[in-house]
PDB file of all heavy atoms in Angstrom:
ATOM      1  N   ALA A   1     113.096 133.239  86.212  1.00  0.00           N
ATOM      2  CA  ALA A   1     113.656 132.656  85.038  1.00  0.00           C
ATOM      3  C   ALA A   1     112.719 131.759  84.334  1.00  0.00           C
ATOM      4  O   ALA A   1     111.800 131.230  84.949  1.00  0.00           O
ATOM      5  CB  ALA A   1     114.973 131.894  85.373  1.00  0.00           C
ATOM      6  N   GLY A   2     112.899 131.585  82.967  1.00  0.00           N
ATOM      7  CA  GLY A   2     111.917 130.680  82.254  1.00  0.00           C
ATOM      8  C   GLY A   2     112.508 130.364  80.931  1.00  0.00           C
ATOM      9  O   GLY A   2     113.532 130.817  80.436  1.00  0.00           O
ATOM     10  N   TYR A   3     111.781 129.444  80.180  1.00  0.00           N
ATOM     11  CA  TYR A   3     112.089 129.057  78.951  1.00  0.00           C
ATOM     12  C   TYR A   3     110.740 128.912  78.133  1.00  0.00           C
ATOM     13  O   TYR A   3     109.659 128.671  78.744  1.00  0.00           O
ATOM     14  CB  TYR A   3     113.035 127.869  78.741  1.00  0.00           C
ATOM     15  CG  TYR A   3     112.319 126.507  79.384  1.00  0.00           C
ATOM     16  CD1 TYR A   3     111.360 125.826  78.712  1.00  0.00           C
ATOM     17  CD2 TYR A   3     112.894 125.965  80.503  1.00  0.00           C
ATOM     18  CE1 TYR A   3     110.952 124.584  79.203  1.00  0.00           C
ATOM     19  CE2 TYR A   3     112.455 124.797  81.072  1.00  0.00           C
ATOM     20  CZ  TYR A   3     111.405 124.137  80.361  1.00  0.00           C
ATOM     21  OH  TYR A   3     110.973 122.927  81.007  1.00  0.00           O
ATOM     22  N   ILE A   4     110.827 129.120  76.919  1.00  0.00           N
ATOM     23  CA  ILE A   4     109.659 128.984  76.032  1.00  0.00           C
ATOM     24  C   ILE A   4     110.064 127.895  75.001  1.00  0.00           C
ATOM     25  O   ILE A   4     111.130 128.064  74.303  1.00  0.00           O
ATOM     26  CB  ILE A   4     109.364 130.258  75.274  1.00  0.00           C
ATOM     27  CG1 ILE A   4     109.029 131.274  76.370  1.00  0.00           C
ATOM     28  CG2 ILE A   4     108.022 129.946  74.510  1.00  0.00           C
ATOM     29  CD1 ILE A   4     109.330 132.744  75.842  1.00  0.00           C
ATOM     30  N   LEU A   5     109.277 126.859  74.829  1.00  0.00           N
ATOM     31  CA  LEU A   5     109.655 125.720  73.920  1.00  0.00           C
ATOM     32  C   LEU A   5     108.655 125.812  72.781  1.00  0.00           C
ATOM     33  O   LEU A   5     107.481 125.775  72.954  1.00  0.00           O
ATOM     34  CB  LEU A   5     109.422 124.359  74.654  1.00  0.00           C
ATOM     35  CG  LEU A   5     109.584 123.179  73.868  1.00  0.00           C
ATOM     36  CD1 LEU A   5     111.009 122.985  73.259  1.00  0.00           C
ATOM     37  CD2 LEU A   5     109.303 121.873  74.678  1.00  0.00           C
ATOM     38  N   TYR A   6     109.210 125.933  71.589  1.00  0.00           N
ATOM     39  CA  TYR A   6     108.563 125.942  70.260  1.00  0.00           C
ATOM     40  C   TYR A   6     108.573 124.526  69.708  1.00  0.00           C
ATOM     41  O   TYR A   6     109.428 124.157  68.938  1.00  0.00           O
ATOM     42  CB  TYR A   6     109.038 126.967  69.400  1.00  0.00           C
ATOM     43  CG  TYR A   6     109.119 128.356  70.060  1.00  0.00           C
ATOM     44  CD1 TYR A   6     110.432 128.709  70.309  1.00  0.00           C
ATOM     45  CD2 TYR A   6     108.142 129.185  70.338  1.00  0.00           C
ATOM     46  CE1 TYR A   6     110.607 130.071  70.883  1.00  0.00           C
ATOM     47  CE2 TYR A   6     108.281 130.291  70.914  1.00  0.00           C
ATOM     48  CZ  TYR A   6     109.684 130.755  71.154  1.00  0.00           C
ATOM     49  OH  TYR A   6     109.858 132.019  71.808  1.00  0.00           O
ATOM     50  N   GLY A   7     107.669 123.668  69.982  1.00  0.00           N
ATOM     51  CA  GLY A   7     107.648 122.336  69.604  1.00  0.00           C
ATOM     52  C   GLY A   7     106.308 121.951  68.999  1.00  0.00           C
ATOM     53  O   GLY A   7     105.792 122.696  68.281  1.00  0.00           O
ATOM     54  N   THR A   8     105.883 120.670  69.369  1.00  0.00           N
ATOM     55  CA  THR A   8     104.498 120.348  68.815  1.00  0.00           C
ATOM     56  C   THR A   8     103.477 121.170  69.443  1.00  0.00           C
ATOM     57  O   THR A   8     102.360 121.347  68.794  1.00  0.00           O
ATOM     58  CB  THR A   8     104.175 118.850  69.188  1.00  0.00           C
ATOM     59  OG1 THR A   8     104.396 118.601  70.710  1.00  0.00           O
ATOM     60  CG2 THR A   8     105.047 117.807  68.499  1.00  0.00           C
ATOM     61  N   SER A   9     103.750 121.829  70.501  1.00  0.00           N
ATOM     62  CA  SER A   9     102.989 122.929  71.059  1.00  0.00           C
ATOM     63  C   SER A   9     103.996 123.900  71.620  1.00  0.00           C
ATOM     64  O   SER A   9     105.087 123.676  71.732  1.00  0.00           O
ATOM     65  CB  SER A   9     101.917 122.466  72.141  1.00  0.00           C
ATOM     66  OG  SER A   9     102.682 121.834  73.172  1.00  0.00           O
ATOM     67  N   THR A  10     103.490 125.189  71.819  1.00  0.00           N
ATOM     68  CA  THR A  10     104.283 126.205  72.493  1.00  0.00           C
ATOM     69  C   THR A  10     104.043 126.259  73.962  1.00  0.00           C
ATOM     70  O   THR A  10     102.933 126.455  74.298  1.00  0.00           O
ATOM     71  CB  THR A  10     104.082 127.625  71.750  1.00  0.00           C
ATOM     72  OG1 THR A  10     104.411 127.467  70.361  1.00  0.00           O
ATOM     73  CG2 THR A  10     104.892 128.664  72.403  1.00  0.00           C
ATOM     74  N   LEU A  11     105.190 126.062  74.816  1.00  0.00           N
ATOM     75  CA  LEU A  11     104.984 125.980  76.112  1.00  0.00           C
ATOM     76  C   LEU A  11     105.898 127.063  76.894  1.00  0.00           C
ATOM     77  O   LEU A  11     107.021 127.239  76.451  1.00  0.00           O
ATOM     78  CB  LEU A  11     105.505 124.648  76.594  1.00  0.00           C
ATOM     79  CG  LEU A  11     105.303 124.110  78.101  1.00  0.00           C
ATOM     80  CD1 LEU A  11     103.751 123.929  78.290  1.00  0.00           C
ATOM     81  CD2 LEU A  11     105.974 122.825  78.301  1.00  0.00           C
ATOM     82  N   PHE A  12     105.300 127.754  77.833  1.00  0.00           N
ATOM     83  CA  PHE A  12     105.880 128.830  78.508  1.00  0.00           C
ATOM     84  C   PHE A  12     106.067 128.356  80.026  1.00  0.00           C
ATOM     85  O   PHE A  12     105.157 128.085  80.677  1.00  0.00           O
ATOM     86  CB  PHE A  12     105.019 130.181  78.473  1.00  0.00           C
ATOM     87  CG  PHE A  12     105.633 131.367  78.997  1.00  0.00           C
ATOM     88  CD1 PHE A  12     105.862 132.402  78.139  1.00  0.00           C
ATOM     89  CD2 PHE A  12     105.953 131.502  80.416  1.00  0.00           C
ATOM     90  CE1 PHE A  12     106.504 133.549  78.654  1.00  0.00           C
ATOM     91  CE2 PHE A  12     106.430 132.685  80.889  1.00  0.00           C
ATOM     92  CZ  PHE A  12     106.756 133.691  79.866  1.00  0.00           C
ATOM     93  N   VAL A  13     107.340 128.218  80.351  1.00  0.00           N
ATOM     94  CA  VAL A  13     107.680 127.510  81.678  1.00  0.00           C
ATOM     95  C   VAL A  13     108.460 128.561  82.433  1.00  0.00           C
ATOM     96  O   VAL A  13     109.308 129.070  81.905  1.00  0.00           O
ATOM     97  CB  VAL A  13     108.499 126.312  81.602  1.00  0.00           C
ATOM     98  CG1 VAL A  13     108.870 125.699  82.917  1.00  0.00           C
ATOM     99  CG2 VAL A  13     107.689 125.212  80.711  1.00  0.00           C
ATOM    100  N   TYR A  14     108.077 129.046  83.703  1.00  0.00           N
ATOM    101  CA  TYR A  14     108.903 129.886  84.445  1.00  0.00           C
ATOM    102  C   TYR A  14     108.692 129.713  85.963  1.00  0.00           C
ATOM    103  O   TYR A  14     107.888 128.910  86.434  1.00  0.00           O
ATOM    104  CB  TYR A  14     108.503 131.257  84.002  1.00  0.00           C
ATOM    105  CG  TYR A  14     107.268 131.893  84.800  1.00  0.00           C
ATOM    106  CD1 TYR A  14     107.470 132.743  85.816  1.00  0.00           C
ATOM    107  CD2 TYR A  14     105.956 131.469  84.415  1.00  0.00           C
ATOM    108  CE1 TYR A  14     106.423 133.324  86.510  1.00  0.00           C
ATOM    109  CE2 TYR A  14     104.881 131.954  85.089  1.00  0.00           C
ATOM    110  CZ  TYR A  14     105.054 132.993  86.107  1.00  0.00           C
ATOM    111  OH  TYR A  14     103.926 133.493  86.712  1.00  0.00           O
ATOM    112  N   THR A  15     109.700 130.266  86.667  1.00  0.00           N
ATOM    113  CA  THR A  15     109.617 130.186  88.051  1.00  0.00           C
ATOM    114  C   THR A  15     109.968 131.579  88.737  1.00  0.00           C
ATOM    115  O   THR A  15     110.688 132.347  88.081  1.00  0.00           O
ATOM    116  CB  THR A  15     110.791 129.113  88.597  1.00  0.00           C
ATOM    117  OG1 THR A  15     110.541 129.160  90.116  1.00  0.00           O
ATOM    118  CG2 THR A  15     112.260 129.534  88.202  1.00  0.00           C
ATOM    119  N   THR A  16     109.516 131.885  89.796  1.00  0.00           N
ATOM    120  CA  THR A  16     109.980 133.097  90.537  1.00  0.00           C
ATOM    121  C   THR A  16     110.513 132.705  91.949  1.00  0.00           C
ATOM    122  O   THR A  16     110.564 133.566  92.817  1.00  0.00           O
ATOM    123  CB  THR A  16     108.559 133.911  90.876  1.00  0.00           C
ATOM    124  OG1 THR A  16     107.666 133.183  91.616  1.00  0.00           O
ATOM    125  CG2 THR A  16     108.116 134.485  89.550  1.00  0.00           C
ATOM    126  N   GLY A  17     110.862 131.328  92.014  1.00  0.00           N
ATOM    127  CA  GLY A  17     111.429 130.904  93.279  1.00  0.00           C
ATOM    128  C   GLY A  17     110.364 130.260  94.165  1.00  0.00           C
ATOM    129  O   GLY A  17     110.797 129.857  95.336  1.00  0.00           O
ATOM    130  N   ASN A  18     109.216 130.019  93.678  1.00  0.00           N
ATOM    131  CA  ASN A  18     108.219 129.305  94.363  1.00  0.00           C
ATOM    132  C   ASN A  18     107.657 128.217  93.493  1.00  0.00           C
ATOM    133  O   ASN A  18     106.454 127.994  93.295  1.00  0.00           O
ATOM    134  CB  ASN A  18     106.984 130.276  94.699  1.00  0.00           C
ATOM    135  CG  ASN A  18     107.544 131.307  95.790  1.00  0.00           C
ATOM    136  OD1 ASN A  18     107.730 131.073  96.841  1.00  0.00           O
ATOM    137  ND2 ASN A  18     107.486 132.548  95.317  1.00  0.00           N
ATOM    138  N   GLY A  19     108.535 127.305  93.000  1.00  0.00           N
ATOM    139  CA  GLY A  19     108.155 126.200  92.291  1.00  0.00           C
ATOM    140  C   GLY A  19     108.193 126.650  90.629  1.00  0.00           C
ATOM    141  O   GLY A  19     108.478 127.672  90.327  1.00  0.00           O
ATOM    142  N   VAL A  20     107.877 125.693  89.849  1.00  0.00           N
ATOM    143  CA  VAL A  20     107.848 125.796  88.352  1.00  0.00           C
ATOM    144  C   VAL A  20     106.557 125.480  87.747  1.00  0.00           C
ATOM    145  O   VAL A  20     106.005 124.374  88.141  1.00  0.00           O
ATOM    146  CB  VAL A  20     109.038 124.873  87.753  1.00  0.00           C
ATOM    147  CG1 VAL A  20     109.196 125.074  86.194  1.00  0.00           C
ATOM    148  CG2 VAL A  20     110.324 125.058  88.515  1.00  0.00           C
ATOM    149  N   ASN A  21     106.093 126.268  86.869  1.00  0.00           N
ATOM    150  CA  ASN A  21     104.716 126.069  86.277  1.00  0.00           C
ATOM    151  C   ASN A  21     104.954 126.289  84.736  1.00  0.00           C
ATOM    152  O   ASN A  21     105.735 127.109  84.318  1.00  0.00           O
ATOM    153  CB  ASN A  21     103.741 127.007  86.777  1.00  0.00           C
ATOM    154  CG  ASN A  21     103.433 126.722  88.228  1.00  0.00           C
ATOM    155  OD1 ASN A  21     102.651 125.797  88.617  1.00  0.00           O
ATOM    156  ND2 ASN A  21     103.869 127.547  89.099  1.00  0.00           N
ATOM    157  N   GLY A  22     104.139 125.422  84.026  1.00  0.00           N
ATOM    158  CA  GLY A  22     104.196 125.524  82.562  1.00  0.00           C
ATOM    159  C   GLY A  22     102.786 125.860  81.972  1.00  0.00           C
ATOM    160  O   GLY A  22     101.825 125.275  82.383  1.00  0.00           O
ATOM    161  N   PHE A  23     102.818 126.665  80.848  1.00  0.00           N
ATOM    162  CA  PHE A  23     101.594 127.111  80.260  1.00  0.00           C
ATOM    163  C   PHE A  23     101.623 126.818  78.711  1.00  0.00           C
ATOM    164  O   PHE A  23     102.601 127.167  78.090  1.00  0.00           O
ATOM    165  CB  PHE A  23     101.357 128.619  80.565  1.00  0.00           C
ATOM    166  CG  PHE A  23     101.313 129.049  81.992  1.00  0.00           C
ATOM    167  CD1 PHE A  23     102.516 129.033  82.679  1.00  0.00           C
ATOM    168  CD2 PHE A  23     100.099 129.242  82.618  1.00  0.00           C
ATOM    169  CE1 PHE A  23     102.510 129.448  84.065  1.00  0.00           C
ATOM    170  CE2 PHE A  23     100.075 129.657  83.856  1.00  0.00           C
ATOM    171  CZ  PHE A  23     101.249 129.767  84.677  1.00  0.00           C
ATOM    172  N   THR A  24     100.628 126.239  78.259  1.00  0.00           N
ATOM    173  CA  THR A  24     100.595 125.743  76.893  1.00  0.00           C
ATOM    174  C   THR A  24      99.833 126.806  76.127  1.00  0.00           C
ATOM    175  O   THR A  24      98.612 127.063  76.475  1.00  0.00           O
ATOM    176  CB  THR A  24     100.114 124.290  76.644  1.00  0.00           C
ATOM    177  OG1 THR A  24     100.948 123.349  77.359  1.00  0.00           O
ATOM    178  CG2 THR A  24     100.062 123.999  75.204  1.00  0.00           C
ATOM    179  N   LEU A  25     100.295 127.125  74.905  1.00  0.00           N
ATOM    180  CA  LEU A  25      99.481 128.103  74.046  1.00  0.00           C
ATOM    181  C   LEU A  25      98.370 127.501  73.308  1.00  0.00           C
ATOM    182  O   LEU A  25      98.658 126.453  72.588  1.00  0.00           O
ATOM    183  CB  LEU A  25     100.540 128.715  73.079  1.00  0.00           C
ATOM    184  CG  LEU A  25      99.957 129.758  72.122  1.00  0.00           C
ATOM    185  CD1 LEU A  25      99.304 131.051  72.803  1.00  0.00           C
ATOM    186  CD2 LEU A  25     100.927 130.309  71.050  1.00  0.00           C
ATOM    187  N   ASN A  26      97.215 127.929  73.348  1.00  0.00           N
ATOM    188  CA  ASN A  26      96.130 127.637  72.455  1.00  0.00           C
ATOM    189  C   ASN A  26      96.233 128.601  71.337  1.00  0.00           C
ATOM    190  O   ASN A  26      95.814 129.742  71.449  1.00  0.00           O
ATOM    191  CB  ASN A  26      94.869 127.710  73.177  1.00  0.00           C
ATOM    192  CG  ASN A  26      93.614 127.286  72.286  1.00  0.00           C
ATOM    193  OD1 ASN A  26      93.810 127.289  70.972  1.00  0.00           O
ATOM    194  ND2 ASN A  26      92.571 126.993  72.856  1.00  0.00           N
ATOM    195  N   PRO A  27      96.715 128.177  70.036  1.00  0.00           N
ATOM    196  CA  PRO A  27      96.993 129.149  69.009  1.00  0.00           C
ATOM    197  C   PRO A  27      95.733 129.679  68.452  1.00  0.00           C
ATOM    198  O   PRO A  27      95.700 130.801  67.751  1.00  0.00           O
ATOM    199  CB  PRO A  27      97.782 128.416  67.973  1.00  0.00           C
ATOM    200  CG  PRO A  27      97.495 126.873  68.339  1.00  0.00           C
ATOM    201  CD  PRO A  27      97.165 126.823  69.759  1.00  0.00           C
ATOM    202  N   ALA A  28      94.621 128.925  68.602  1.00  0.00           N
ATOM    203  CA  ALA A  28      93.385 129.394  68.075  1.00  0.00           C
ATOM    204  C   ALA A  28      92.857 130.784  68.700  1.00  0.00           C
ATOM    205  O   ALA A  28      92.295 131.556  67.919  1.00  0.00           O
ATOM    206  CB  ALA A  28      92.174 128.267  68.168  1.00  0.00           C
ATOM    207  N   ILE A  29      93.217 131.032  69.997  1.00  0.00           N
ATOM    208  CA  ILE A  29      92.676 132.162  70.566  1.00  0.00           C
ATOM    209  C   ILE A  29      93.937 132.954  71.239  1.00  0.00           C
ATOM    210  O   ILE A  29      93.753 134.003  71.730  1.00  0.00           O
ATOM    211  CB  ILE A  29      91.710 131.851  71.718  1.00  0.00           C
ATOM    212  CG1 ILE A  29      92.311 130.911  72.744  1.00  0.00           C
ATOM    213  CG2 ILE A  29      90.417 131.403  71.097  1.00  0.00           C
ATOM    214  CD1 ILE A  29      91.249 130.627  73.802  1.00  0.00           C
ATOM    215  N   GLY A  30      95.132 132.488  70.971  1.00  0.00           N
ATOM    216  CA  GLY A  30      96.285 133.178  71.430  1.00  0.00           C
ATOM    217  C   GLY A  30      96.487 133.326  73.016  1.00  0.00           C
ATOM    218  O   GLY A  30      97.085 134.396  73.488  1.00  0.00           O
TER     219      GLY A  30
END
């Protein structure tokens, strides 16, 4: 499960049942 936050930066947060990790989008290189 996860969520994507479109705010001051775009953040992709998800879990597979082994903790939660978040990834921030660098829009310059996608």
